Each structure stands twice: as C-alpha cells, then as structure tokens.
Protein backbone atom coordinates (compact mmCIF):
# COMPACT_ATOMS: atom_id res chain seq x y z
CA MET A 1 0.19 0.07 -0.05
CA ASN A 2 1.40 3.53 -0.54
CA GLY A 3 2.19 4.91 2.53
CA SER A 4 1.09 8.43 1.99
CA ARG A 5 -2.50 6.79 1.34
CA SER A 6 -2.02 4.88 4.82
CA PHE A 7 -1.02 7.86 6.57
CA PRO A 8 -4.12 9.53 6.82
CA PHE A 9 -6.38 6.82 7.60
CA LEU A 10 -3.78 5.33 10.34
CA ILE A 11 -2.87 8.48 12.12
CA ASN A 12 -6.34 9.74 12.25
CA TRP A 13 -7.98 6.16 13.36
CA SER A 14 -5.42 6.63 16.36
CA HIS A 15 -6.46 9.53 17.21
CA CYS A 16 -10.07 8.50 17.50
CA LEU A 17 -8.97 5.31 19.16
CA LEU A 18 -7.16 7.60 22.10
CA ALA A 19 -10.25 9.91 22.20
CA GLY A 20 -12.94 7.21 21.73
CA THR A 21 -14.75 8.73 18.93
CA CYS A 22 -13.97 6.65 15.96
CA ALA A 23 -17.37 4.87 16.47
CA ALA A 24 -19.16 8.79 16.10
CA ASN A 25 -17.18 10.45 13.14
CA GLY A 26 -17.24 7.67 10.94
CA PRO A 27 -14.94 7.10 7.88
CA HIS A 28 -16.12 10.35 6.33
CA ARG A 29 -15.11 12.33 9.25
CA THR A 30 -11.96 10.85 9.55
CA GLU A 31 -11.07 11.79 6.01
CA LEU A 32 -12.24 15.27 6.36
CA SER A 33 -10.11 15.73 9.62
CA PHE A 34 -6.98 14.84 8.02
CA ASN A 35 -7.35 17.35 5.02
CA SER A 36 -7.55 20.18 7.66
CA MET A 37 -4.64 19.08 9.38
CA ALA A 38 -2.59 18.64 6.29
CA GLY A 39 -3.69 22.19 5.54
CA HIS A 40 -6.38 22.18 3.31
CA SER A 41 -8.47 24.58 3.16
CA LYS A 42 -11.40 22.71 1.82
CA PRO A 43 -12.03 18.78 1.95
CA ARG A 44 -11.19 17.14 -1.50
CA PRO A 45 -14.20 16.17 -3.22
CA PRO A 46 -15.08 12.49 -3.65
CA GLY A 47 -13.62 11.31 -7.36
CA ARG A 48 -16.38 9.52 -9.50
CA PRO A 49 -16.51 5.82 -9.06
CA THR A 50 -14.64 3.74 -11.19
CA PRO A 51 -16.81 0.81 -12.76
CA ALA A 52 -15.40 -1.79 -10.42
CA GLU A 53 -16.80 0.16 -7.74
CA LYS A 54 -19.93 0.37 -9.05
CA VAL A 55 -20.06 -3.37 -9.32
CA LEU A 56 -18.44 -3.94 -6.09
CA ARG A 57 -20.45 -1.44 -3.86
CA PRO A 58 -23.37 -3.73 -3.67
CA PHE A 59 -21.38 -6.69 -2.48
CA GLN A 60 -19.71 -4.73 0.31
CA GLU A 61 -22.56 -2.98 1.60
CA PHE A 62 -24.36 -6.46 1.53
CA SER A 63 -21.32 -7.87 3.17
CA THR A 64 -21.76 -5.49 6.06
CA THR A 65 -25.15 -5.98 6.76
CA GLU A 66 -26.40 -8.10 10.18
CA SER A 67 -28.92 -9.67 7.77
CA SER A 68 -26.51 -10.56 5.00
CA GLY A 69 -25.20 -13.72 6.57
CA GLY A 70 -28.92 -15.16 7.44
CA ILE A 71 -29.76 -14.27 3.74
CA LEU A 72 -27.28 -16.18 2.12
CA LEU A 73 -27.91 -19.02 4.99
CA MET A 74 -31.51 -19.25 3.09
CA VAL A 75 -30.51 -19.34 -0.18
CA CYS A 76 -28.19 -22.02 0.14
CA ALA A 77 -30.67 -23.85 1.78
CA VAL A 78 -33.72 -23.30 -0.58
CA GLY A 79 -31.42 -24.19 -3.32
CA ALA A 80 -30.28 -27.55 -1.55
CA LEU A 81 -33.86 -28.28 -1.62
CA ILE A 82 -34.57 -27.61 -5.03
CA TRP A 83 -31.69 -29.56 -6.60
CA ALA A 84 -32.86 -32.32 -3.97
CA ASN A 85 -36.33 -32.64 -5.18
CA SER A 86 -35.28 -31.91 -9.06
CA PRO A 87 -34.93 -34.47 -12.08
CA TRP A 88 -31.36 -33.83 -11.12
CA ALA A 89 -31.61 -34.93 -7.26
CA GLN A 90 -29.54 -38.21 -7.37
CA SER A 91 -26.69 -36.14 -8.53
CA TYR A 92 -26.76 -33.85 -5.22
CA PHE A 93 -26.83 -36.67 -3.42
CA ASP A 94 -23.79 -38.73 -5.23
CA LEU A 95 -21.73 -35.31 -4.73
CA TRP A 96 -21.22 -35.54 -1.33
CA HIS A 97 -19.89 -39.13 -1.34
CA ILE A 98 -17.42 -38.39 -3.69
CA GLU A 99 -13.98 -39.65 -2.04
CA ALA A 100 -11.13 -36.65 -1.47
CA GLY A 101 -8.06 -36.84 0.44
CA PHE A 102 -4.38 -35.82 0.72
CA SER A 103 -1.01 -37.67 1.47
CA VAL A 104 2.10 -36.10 2.90
CA GLY A 105 4.84 -38.94 2.69
CA THR A 106 3.31 -41.97 4.08
CA PHE A 107 0.79 -40.31 5.87
CA HIS A 108 -2.61 -40.58 3.84
CA LEU A 109 -6.09 -39.07 5.09
CA GLU A 110 -9.52 -39.53 2.61
CA MET A 111 -12.83 -38.87 3.28
CA HIS A 112 -16.26 -38.45 1.67
CA LEU A 113 -16.53 -34.78 0.38
CA GLY A 114 -19.89 -34.78 3.22
CA HIS A 115 -17.19 -35.97 6.11
CA TRP A 116 -14.65 -33.12 5.03
CA ILE A 117 -17.77 -30.20 5.36
CA ASN A 118 -18.94 -32.04 8.51
CA ASP A 119 -15.88 -33.03 10.20
CA GLY A 120 -13.32 -30.51 8.68
CA LEU A 121 -14.79 -27.09 7.44
CA MET A 122 -17.15 -27.29 10.64
CA ALA A 123 -13.92 -27.43 13.04
CA ILE A 124 -13.67 -23.97 11.41
CA PHE A 125 -17.22 -22.58 12.86
CA PHE A 126 -16.66 -24.64 16.23
CA PHE A 127 -13.31 -22.61 16.60
CA LEU A 128 -15.39 -18.90 16.04
CA VAL A 129 -17.93 -20.36 18.58
CA GLY A 130 -15.60 -21.25 20.98
CA LEU A 131 -13.41 -17.72 20.21
CA GLU A 132 -17.04 -16.47 21.11
CA ILE A 133 -17.69 -18.17 23.98
CA LYS A 134 -14.56 -17.53 25.59
CA ARG A 135 -14.89 -13.61 24.88
CA GLU A 136 -18.38 -13.73 26.52
CA ILE A 137 -16.95 -15.10 29.74
CA LEU A 138 -14.15 -13.41 29.77
CA VAL A 139 -15.97 -9.83 29.36
CA GLY A 140 -18.98 -10.34 28.05
CA GLU A 141 -22.46 -11.42 29.47
CA LEU A 142 -21.41 -14.25 30.56
CA ALA A 143 -18.49 -12.94 32.75
CA THR A 144 -20.29 -12.36 36.24
CA VAL A 145 -22.85 -14.68 37.79
CA ARG A 146 -25.57 -11.93 37.38
CA ARG A 147 -25.05 -10.80 34.02
CA ALA A 148 -24.89 -14.33 32.91
CA ALA A 149 -27.49 -15.77 34.97
CA LEU A 150 -30.50 -14.48 32.79
CA PRO A 151 -29.32 -16.08 29.21
CA LEU A 152 -27.81 -19.23 31.11
CA ALA A 153 -31.69 -19.70 32.66
CA ALA A 154 -33.05 -19.04 29.33
CA ALA A 155 -30.86 -21.31 27.64
CA THR A 156 -31.56 -24.08 29.83
CA GLY A 157 -35.29 -23.78 29.45
CA GLY A 158 -34.47 -23.59 25.99
CA VAL A 159 -32.37 -27.10 26.04
CA VAL A 160 -34.69 -28.96 28.37
CA LEU A 161 -38.34 -28.36 27.47
CA PRO A 162 -37.40 -29.27 23.52
CA ALA A 163 -35.63 -32.14 24.58
CA LEU A 164 -38.44 -33.83 26.76
CA ILE A 165 -40.98 -33.13 23.92
CA TYR A 166 -38.91 -35.05 21.44
CA VAL A 167 -38.20 -37.67 24.26
CA ALA A 168 -42.62 -38.11 24.38
CA MET A 169 -42.95 -38.21 21.26
CA ASN A 170 -40.05 -40.74 20.48
CA ALA A 171 -39.61 -42.77 23.82
CA GLY A 172 -39.31 -46.54 22.96
CA LYS A 173 -38.73 -45.73 18.99
CA PRO A 174 -35.99 -46.30 16.74
CA GLY A 175 -35.64 -42.35 16.69
CA ILE A 176 -35.01 -42.07 20.15
CA ALA A 177 -31.44 -40.84 19.36
CA GLY A 178 -32.32 -37.46 17.72
CA TRP A 179 -33.63 -36.17 21.08
CA GLY A 180 -30.71 -33.17 21.09
CA ILE A 181 -31.70 -32.31 17.62
CA PRO A 182 -34.10 -29.41 18.93
CA MET A 183 -32.42 -28.07 21.76
CA ALA A 184 -30.01 -25.91 19.54
CA THR A 185 -30.38 -22.19 18.22
CA ASP A 186 -29.18 -20.98 14.99
CA ILE A 187 -27.52 -17.65 16.19
CA ALA A 188 -26.89 -16.36 12.51
CA PHE A 189 -30.35 -16.90 11.66
CA ALA A 190 -31.93 -15.30 14.80
CA LEU A 191 -29.86 -12.55 14.48
CA GLY A 192 -30.81 -12.22 10.80
CA ILE A 193 -34.42 -12.34 11.63
CA LEU A 194 -33.66 -9.81 14.41
CA ALA A 195 -31.58 -7.22 12.08
CA LEU A 196 -34.73 -7.07 9.30
CA LEU A 197 -36.94 -5.01 11.97
CA GLY A 198 -33.92 -2.80 11.92
CA SER A 199 -32.99 0.37 14.25
CA ARG A 200 -36.29 -0.56 16.35
CA VAL A 201 -34.90 -3.58 18.44
CA PRO A 202 -33.36 -2.38 21.43
CA ILE A 203 -29.82 -3.17 21.84
CA GLY A 204 -30.68 -5.16 24.98
CA LEU A 205 -32.48 -7.63 23.46
CA LYS A 206 -29.86 -8.16 20.60
CA VAL A 207 -27.50 -8.57 23.59
CA PHE A 208 -29.99 -10.88 25.33
CA LEU A 209 -30.49 -13.52 22.42
CA THR A 210 -26.62 -13.25 21.56
CA ALA A 211 -25.59 -14.60 24.89
CA LEU A 212 -28.42 -16.80 25.29
CA ALA A 213 -27.45 -18.33 21.66
CA ILE A 214 -23.81 -18.65 23.27
CA ALA A 215 -25.18 -20.18 26.18
CA ASP A 216 -27.02 -22.76 24.42
CA ASP A 217 -24.52 -23.83 22.04
CA ILE A 218 -21.94 -24.43 25.19
CA MET A 219 -24.89 -27.17 25.73
CA ALA A 220 -24.91 -28.21 22.57
CA VAL A 221 -21.08 -28.56 22.30
CA LEU A 222 -21.27 -30.94 25.10
CA VAL A 223 -24.23 -32.73 24.21
CA ILE A 224 -22.20 -33.63 21.24
CA ALA A 225 -18.96 -34.50 23.27
CA ILE A 226 -20.89 -36.57 25.94
CA PHE A 227 -24.05 -38.46 24.24
CA TYR A 228 -22.93 -38.21 20.59
CA THR A 229 -19.17 -39.66 20.83
CA GLU A 230 -18.56 -43.17 19.22
CA ASN A 231 -16.33 -45.92 20.62
CA LEU A 232 -13.22 -44.29 22.05
CA GLN A 233 -9.36 -45.16 21.11
CA LEU A 234 -7.83 -44.32 23.80
CA ASP A 235 -4.34 -43.63 22.16
CA TYR A 236 -5.05 -40.92 20.19
CA LEU A 237 -6.90 -39.48 22.82
CA ALA A 238 -4.21 -39.41 25.12
CA ILE A 239 -1.74 -37.91 22.36
CA GLY A 240 -4.55 -35.01 21.84
CA GLY A 241 -4.25 -34.25 25.70
CA VAL A 242 -0.80 -34.12 25.24
CA ILE A 243 -1.08 -31.80 22.59
CA LEU A 244 -3.63 -29.74 24.45
CA VAL A 245 -1.61 -29.36 27.13
CA ALA A 246 1.05 -27.89 25.15
CA LEU A 247 -1.66 -25.43 23.77
CA PHE A 248 -1.87 -24.31 26.82
CA GLY A 249 1.16 -24.39 27.84
CA PHE A 250 1.96 -21.66 24.56
CA ALA A 251 -1.08 -19.36 26.44
CA ARG A 252 0.73 -19.47 29.80
CA ILE A 253 4.19 -18.16 28.09
CA LYS A 254 1.98 -15.29 26.05
CA LEU A 255 3.29 -16.98 22.83
CA ARG A 256 1.56 -14.61 20.67
CA SER A 257 2.74 -15.81 17.11
CA MET A 258 -0.26 -18.01 15.88
CA ALA A 259 1.71 -20.53 13.25
CA PRO A 260 2.49 -23.00 16.91
CA TYR A 261 -1.30 -22.88 17.91
CA PHE A 262 -2.36 -23.65 14.12
CA LEU A 263 -0.02 -26.37 13.35
CA LEU A 264 -0.89 -28.13 17.03
CA GLY A 265 -4.60 -27.31 16.40
CA ALA A 266 -4.65 -29.41 12.84
CA ILE A 267 -2.88 -32.26 15.10
CA LEU A 268 -5.22 -32.06 17.76
CA TRP A 269 -8.27 -32.17 15.11
CA TYR A 270 -6.71 -35.63 13.61
CA CYS A 271 -6.18 -36.90 17.06
CA PHE A 272 -9.78 -36.28 17.85
CA TYR A 273 -10.95 -37.51 14.47
CA GLN A 274 -9.31 -41.18 15.25
CA SER A 275 -10.19 -40.90 18.94
CA GLY A 276 -13.82 -41.71 18.36
CA ILE A 277 -14.70 -37.73 19.94
CA HIS A 278 -16.42 -35.85 17.00
CA ALA A 279 -13.71 -33.59 15.68
CA THR A 280 -15.12 -30.63 15.97
CA ILE A 281 -14.48 -30.55 19.39
CA ALA A 282 -11.13 -29.87 18.67
CA GLY A 283 -12.06 -26.30 16.94
CA ILE A 284 -13.57 -25.50 20.61
CA LEU A 285 -10.58 -26.66 22.84
CA LEU A 286 -7.60 -24.88 20.14
CA ALA A 287 -10.15 -21.64 20.66
CA PHE A 288 -9.63 -21.71 24.48
CA THR A 289 -6.11 -21.96 24.58
CA ILE A 290 -6.01 -18.45 22.13
CA PRO A 291 -4.67 -15.75 24.14
CA ALA A 292 -7.22 -13.04 25.14
CA ARG A 293 -4.82 -10.38 27.00
CA PRO A 294 -3.50 -7.38 25.08
CA ARG A 295 0.78 -6.79 25.35
CA ILE A 296 0.31 -3.42 26.69
CA GLY A 297 -2.67 -1.90 28.31
CA SER A 298 -5.18 0.75 26.96
CA ARG A 299 -3.50 3.30 29.28
CA ASP A 300 0.07 2.43 28.08
CA PHE A 301 -1.10 2.68 24.34
CA ALA A 302 -2.79 5.86 25.00
CA GLU A 303 0.24 7.33 26.33
CA VAL A 304 2.71 5.69 23.60
CA GLY A 305 0.24 7.26 20.65
CA ARG A 306 0.29 10.79 22.32
CA ASP A 307 3.74 11.18 22.28
CA LEU A 308 3.96 9.82 18.55
CA MET A 309 1.01 12.32 17.65
CA ASP A 310 2.86 15.16 19.20
CA THR A 311 6.14 14.06 17.24
CA ILE A 312 3.71 14.85 14.05
CA THR A 313 1.90 17.85 14.83
CA GLY A 314 4.21 19.64 17.35
CA LYS A 315 2.80 21.46 20.14
CA ASP A 316 1.04 24.07 18.13
CA ASP A 317 -0.65 21.60 16.32
CA GLU A 318 0.53 22.29 12.96
CA PRO A 319 1.40 19.44 10.87
CA ASP A 320 5.05 18.17 10.11
CA ASP A 321 5.66 17.41 6.50
CA ASP A 322 8.45 15.13 6.51
CA ILE A 323 7.22 12.08 5.21
CA ASP A 324 10.01 10.44 6.52
CA ARG A 325 8.96 11.22 9.98
CA GLN A 326 5.46 10.50 9.18
CA GLN A 327 6.56 7.07 7.80
CA MET A 328 8.11 6.33 11.09
CA VAL A 329 4.90 7.34 13.16
CA VAL A 330 2.85 5.05 10.62
CA SER A 331 4.75 1.96 11.43
CA GLN A 332 5.25 2.63 15.32
CA LEU A 333 1.44 3.08 15.42
CA GLY A 334 0.69 0.08 13.74
CA ALA A 335 2.95 -1.96 15.78
CA ARG A 336 1.39 -0.46 18.87
CA ILE A 337 -2.14 -1.26 17.61
CA GLU A 338 -0.90 -4.71 17.00
CA GLN A 339 0.62 -5.28 20.93
CA VAL A 340 -2.93 -3.46 21.84
CA ASP A 341 -5.56 -5.82 19.54
CA THR A 342 -5.72 -9.55 21.49
CA PRO A 343 -4.62 -12.15 19.30
CA LEU A 344 -8.61 -13.55 19.95
CA HIS A 345 -10.24 -10.54 18.97
CA ARG A 346 -8.03 -10.44 15.86
CA ILE A 347 -8.78 -14.05 14.94
CA GLU A 348 -12.35 -13.51 15.93
CA ARG A 349 -12.63 -10.15 13.60
CA VAL A 350 -10.95 -12.14 10.38
CA LEU A 351 -12.87 -15.47 10.63
CA HIS A 352 -16.12 -14.25 10.94
CA PRO A 353 -16.91 -13.04 7.31
CA TRP A 354 -15.31 -16.57 6.17
CA VAL A 355 -17.78 -18.52 8.55
CA ALA A 356 -20.86 -16.35 7.92
CA PHE A 357 -20.25 -16.28 3.80
CA LEU A 358 -18.35 -19.86 3.39
CA VAL A 359 -18.32 -21.73 5.78
CA ILE A 360 -21.77 -22.11 6.95
CA PRO A 361 -23.31 -21.52 3.54
CA ILE A 362 -21.64 -24.48 2.44
CA PHE A 363 -22.31 -26.19 5.47
CA ALA A 364 -26.45 -25.62 5.02
CA PHE A 365 -26.06 -26.55 1.30
CA ALA A 366 -24.66 -30.16 1.89
CA ASN A 367 -27.26 -30.90 4.24
CA ALA A 368 -30.14 -28.96 3.88
CA GLY A 369 -31.13 -31.00 0.96
CA VAL A 370 -33.88 -33.77 1.80
CA SER A 371 -36.11 -35.25 -0.97
CA PHE A 372 -39.90 -35.61 0.15
CA SER A 373 -40.04 -38.59 -1.81
CA GLY A 374 -37.49 -39.91 0.56
CA SER A 375 -39.76 -39.86 3.78
CA SER A 376 -42.54 -42.20 3.75
CA ASN A 377 -45.18 -40.30 5.98
CA GLY A 378 -43.77 -36.58 5.27
CA PHE A 379 -43.95 -34.09 8.49
CA VAL A 380 -46.32 -36.74 10.58
CA THR A 381 -43.63 -39.08 12.17
CA PRO A 382 -42.44 -38.81 15.35
CA VAL A 383 -39.28 -38.05 14.52
CA ALA A 384 -40.08 -34.75 12.23
CA MET A 385 -43.32 -33.68 14.79
CA GLY A 386 -40.96 -34.01 17.73
CA ILE A 387 -37.95 -31.81 16.36
CA ALA A 388 -41.04 -29.25 14.98
CA LEU A 389 -42.96 -29.25 18.03
CA GLY A 390 -39.83 -29.18 20.27
CA LEU A 391 -38.19 -25.68 18.37
CA ILE A 392 -41.84 -24.03 18.04
CA VAL A 393 -43.51 -24.99 21.68
CA GLY A 394 -40.46 -26.31 23.74
CA LYS A 395 -37.92 -23.57 23.00
CA PHE A 396 -40.48 -20.85 23.60
CA GLY A 397 -42.18 -21.95 26.68
CA GLY A 398 -38.31 -23.22 27.98
CA ILE A 399 -36.79 -19.76 27.61
CA VAL A 400 -39.95 -17.87 28.91
CA SER A 401 -40.70 -19.80 32.06
CA PHE A 402 -36.99 -20.35 32.97
CA SER A 403 -36.47 -16.58 32.51
CA ILE A 404 -39.46 -15.49 34.82
CA LEU A 405 -37.93 -18.24 37.08
CA ALA A 406 -34.88 -16.23 37.10
CA VAL A 407 -36.14 -13.01 37.61
CA LYS A 408 -38.79 -13.85 40.21
CA MET A 409 -36.36 -15.52 42.26
CA ASN A 410 -34.35 -12.60 42.05
CA TRP A 411 -31.62 -14.42 40.40
CA ALA A 412 -31.29 -11.83 37.33
CA SER A 413 -33.16 -9.31 36.01
CA LEU A 414 -33.97 -7.70 32.68
CA PRO A 415 -31.74 -6.05 30.53
CA ARG A 416 -32.47 -2.25 30.30
CA GLY A 417 -35.10 -1.34 27.43
CA VAL A 418 -36.08 -5.02 27.35
CA SER A 419 -39.82 -6.02 27.96
CA TRP A 420 -41.65 -9.48 29.03
CA ALA A 421 -43.34 -8.93 25.23
CA HIS A 422 -39.59 -8.22 23.77
CA ILE A 423 -38.24 -11.88 26.03
CA ARG A 424 -41.23 -13.94 24.20
CA GLY A 425 -40.34 -12.53 21.01
CA ALA A 426 -36.78 -13.60 21.65
CA ALA A 427 -37.79 -17.03 22.78
CA ILE A 428 -39.89 -17.56 19.51
CA LEU A 429 -36.47 -16.78 17.61
CA GLY A 430 -34.96 -19.47 19.73
CA GLY A 431 -36.79 -22.06 17.75
CA VAL A 432 -34.53 -21.36 14.42
CA GLY A 433 -32.15 -24.27 14.99
CA PHE A 434 -31.02 -24.75 11.75
CA THR A 435 -27.11 -25.26 11.88
CA MET A 436 -26.59 -26.62 14.75
CA SER A 437 -29.49 -28.86 14.52
CA LEU A 438 -28.85 -30.58 11.44
CA PHE A 439 -25.05 -31.03 12.52
CA ILE A 440 -26.71 -33.13 15.58
CA GLY A 441 -29.01 -34.57 13.10
CA GLY A 442 -26.38 -36.22 11.10
CA LEU A 443 -24.36 -37.66 14.11
CA ALA A 444 -27.66 -38.95 15.76
CA PHE A 445 -28.70 -40.62 12.52
CA GLU A 446 -25.82 -41.28 10.69
CA GLY A 447 -26.32 -44.13 8.35
CA ASP A 448 -29.99 -44.01 8.51
CA ALA A 449 -31.38 -42.27 5.69
CA GLY A 450 -34.89 -42.36 6.67
CA LEU A 451 -34.82 -41.18 10.42
CA LEU A 452 -32.08 -38.14 8.87
CA SER A 453 -34.84 -37.43 5.97
CA ASP A 454 -37.46 -37.21 8.87
CA ALA A 455 -35.24 -35.31 11.10
CA LYS A 456 -34.45 -32.67 8.28
CA ILE A 457 -37.96 -32.17 7.31
CA GLY A 458 -38.56 -30.99 11.47
CA ILE A 459 -35.53 -28.96 11.39
CA LEU A 460 -36.80 -26.92 8.59
CA THR A 461 -40.34 -26.53 9.25
CA GLY A 462 -39.92 -25.95 12.93
CA SER A 463 -36.85 -23.23 12.40
CA LEU A 464 -39.67 -21.75 9.18
CA VAL A 465 -42.42 -21.47 11.63
CA ALA A 466 -40.69 -20.16 14.52
CA GLY A 467 -38.86 -17.44 12.26
CA VAL A 468 -41.96 -16.58 10.59
CA ILE A 469 -43.80 -16.19 13.75
CA GLY A 470 -41.08 -14.26 15.66
CA LEU A 471 -40.59 -11.82 12.49
CA PHE A 472 -44.35 -10.77 12.70
CA TYR A 473 -44.12 -11.01 17.05
CA LEU A 474 -41.71 -8.64 16.96
CA ARG A 475 -42.46 -6.36 14.22
CA SER A 476 -46.52 -5.82 16.22
CA VAL A 477 -44.48 -5.42 19.26
CA PHE A 478 -42.10 -2.83 17.98
CA LYS A 479 -45.11 -0.99 16.37
CA LYS A 480 -46.82 -0.86 19.98
CA ASP A 481 -43.57 0.34 21.55
CA HIS A 482 -43.62 3.29 19.04
CA LYS A 483 -47.16 4.03 19.34
CA ASP A 484 -46.73 4.38 22.76
CA ASP A 485 -43.54 6.81 22.77
CA VAL A 486 -45.51 8.85 20.31
CA VAL A 487 -48.32 9.46 22.91
CA LYS A 488 -46.21 9.90 25.61
CA PRO A 489 -45.60 13.87 25.97
C-alpha cells in the first residue's frame, strides 16, 4: 500500500482510538479531519467511482449488514432443497459421497466430501464459536454470575423442554437418539431475522439473544461431546490430551505467534477425529487456548500514542511535512495497535466473514437437501413432529418459563429497555435451530437415511415456522412500542 495513502487513515484512526470517537465520526469524518490537519482549506471532493467500484459496492454493502449471513444461509438451504427434489436429485446426493483426500509422505487421509464439510470445515465454525464463548466468559454477558444468570437460565429452559417434548414423542422408538436435535438455536439466522426489524430493536434484546445463543451452544457442544461420541480410541485421545496441554502452555508463556497454535490445532483435530470424539470439538478446545489479553494496556497505548502524535503535530498542532517522520510514526503506531489488539479478537474479526459467508453456507447447501419423497409419511412422523414441536413450542415455553423463574427468584433482571414482550419474541426466534440442529441430526442418524430425512423435514419446518412467527410478533411489539412513545408527552 502506498504510504502517503495509508498515513491519513492510520493517524486519524489512532486519534479516534485515543479520544474514543471513531464510532461517532465514521470514515468520512476521519478523512475530513486529516484534510484540515494537512492544511487543506476545503475537503477534497470524492472522485467519480470507477466501473469496478460500481460493481463491487452492492456486494460490499451486503457483506456489512447483519442480516446478510442469514439471507445467504437461506438461499443455500433453498437451493439444496430445489436440487434434492429435482429430476437431477441423485447427482446432489452423489456429490457428497465423492472421495477426497491428500497424502504427505506416508501419511494419507481420505474422506467423503460430506465428511470433509461436517468434520473438517465445521471445525472452523466451532473454533469461532469457542472464541465467542471465551470472549463472553471473560468480558461479555457471561463474565459475572449476575449478568450470565438470565441467558443461562433461558438457555437451560430452551434445552430441557424441547428435549423432553421430543423424548415424549419418540420414547421406545427408533428415532429416540435424536433427542438433542431440537435443543439448538442458530445464532446467524436468529440475529439475521432480528436485524430485518431495523433500529427499533433494543440493543439489550440483541445482547440477550446473542448471549442466549452462545450459552445454548455451550450446552449443545457438551451434548455432542458426551452423548454423540463413538467408541473411544484411548491412544489417540491421550496424544490429543498432550497436545492440548502444550497449547495451554503456549498461552501460559504468552506466545503471540499463531502459527504454533494452528499447527498443533490441526494435529489435535486429527487425534480427535481418530479417537471417536467428534473432530469439531477440537475447534472449541483450540479456541480456549488462544490468548485473550493484549500485550500492552490501553493506558500505556494512549500515552505512547499521544507521544507519537506530538512528533507529527508539534506543540502548536501544526503538521510536520517530513514524509520520513510520518512513515516512522505510521510504522510505530501500527506496531502499538497490534500490541493492544488481542489475538482472540483479531482472529475472531478475521474469521467471522469467512464463516458467515463461506463455511456455514457450504454446510447448509450440503446438509439441507432432503427429498420429500424419501420420507414415507412426510411431516407426520414421530421424529419430524418431535423436532418441529420441540423448536416451536419447547423453545418458547422453556426460554420464557426459565427466564421468569430467574427474575422471580431475584437471580437476574431484565436488560435495560427490554420488556417481557421482547423476551417472548426472542424465545420464539430461539426456535430457529437450523445449523446446529442439522449438525446434531447428522450425528444422531448417521447411516439411517430415512430417519435423517425425517429429521431434516422437522428442522426445516420448525425453524421456518419459528422464524416467521417471531418476525411478525416482534414487528407488532415494536409498532406498539412506537405508538406508546408517540402518545407520551
């Protein structure tokens, strides 16, 4: 990148970071502040966009919206359903059974394409989930008992009641192994639906739903690790344990380079894959070892940053036109910014768009395709109905009832600006269990195409109904909130 072009952004971004004003100013304001700093009497008019910019701008805007990940997920799921029920349906199912692998010397690893997606690619998704869980436990809504009480209580209810409904409908039947399927909430879909309602959504409701989904993920991961684990191979498990200890040792000595973590993380994944524990659990455990503390504190960064800025502006805030000095400051500020940014946050920021726009859509496309002719009775099977009712009725009843219990017992309180009507809306959206439900369904009914087909029908039906009802219910709640605000003097 040209240094003279990077200097305005980095210097003013640092000014904003020191003053805490980046979010308020935005990029256009930052550019104007530099123009005035550089002695321009008028802001430089923006140039006419190039043809490439005209083409890319809609995609860039799409990728920055909260609902875009959910929209892409829905498109992939619908595409899979269309292909799986078309005259070319067999080619869809054959695609995921293509053998793929690689060799390094005498080492050889080969799996079906579907297994590479569910066991390999989804490990990246679980790695991101692990990073989010660790962040929430350290500094987020799960950082203190009081703050964590409401989402944890809600998530517990949203796990227990759907499972009980499913067990009640499948006790003593072949599909009983799928009891964990309706327990999950798809955070991408749920927040995507919430984002469709715009700025009317209270920030406290978004935080609650996010914390609820993350607590939900913790429980789902535990269920996968404990109840959907095959026969254990203790030798591989022991090697994996040694590698995990080494990874925590890296964190203990504050190793900041990510290469050793990812190298041992890949070996950890292989050990778990061979041990019988689902390989994606390795992604969660690897995330827990990633350092979450900055190298320098915010106070030290602020002091160093001000000193560096003074070398540019001088005491009279007059800019220094020495390009070499500017480049030196840019380099030093960049190094300090990297030190104040935690590895956990940096990796999470980089991974999020890749997971939202590549990993999860590919998973959805590979797993959402179900032939409606493949299930003998369509929706009216114990598996399909148990999952759908668990997601629609169980999630709502469990989340609301356990939330009420936590507040009545004075274990928790509602977030600021959030009413019980909002909690009920979030509870309905909790029934959108798409991604994790499909994942657990694949584990529960691996090798049984008929039951897996029934499970997919139940997941798609329950998630669709919960999403639509939640959207329209919250829309009516926010309209009422707006009318009440208008009536108030």
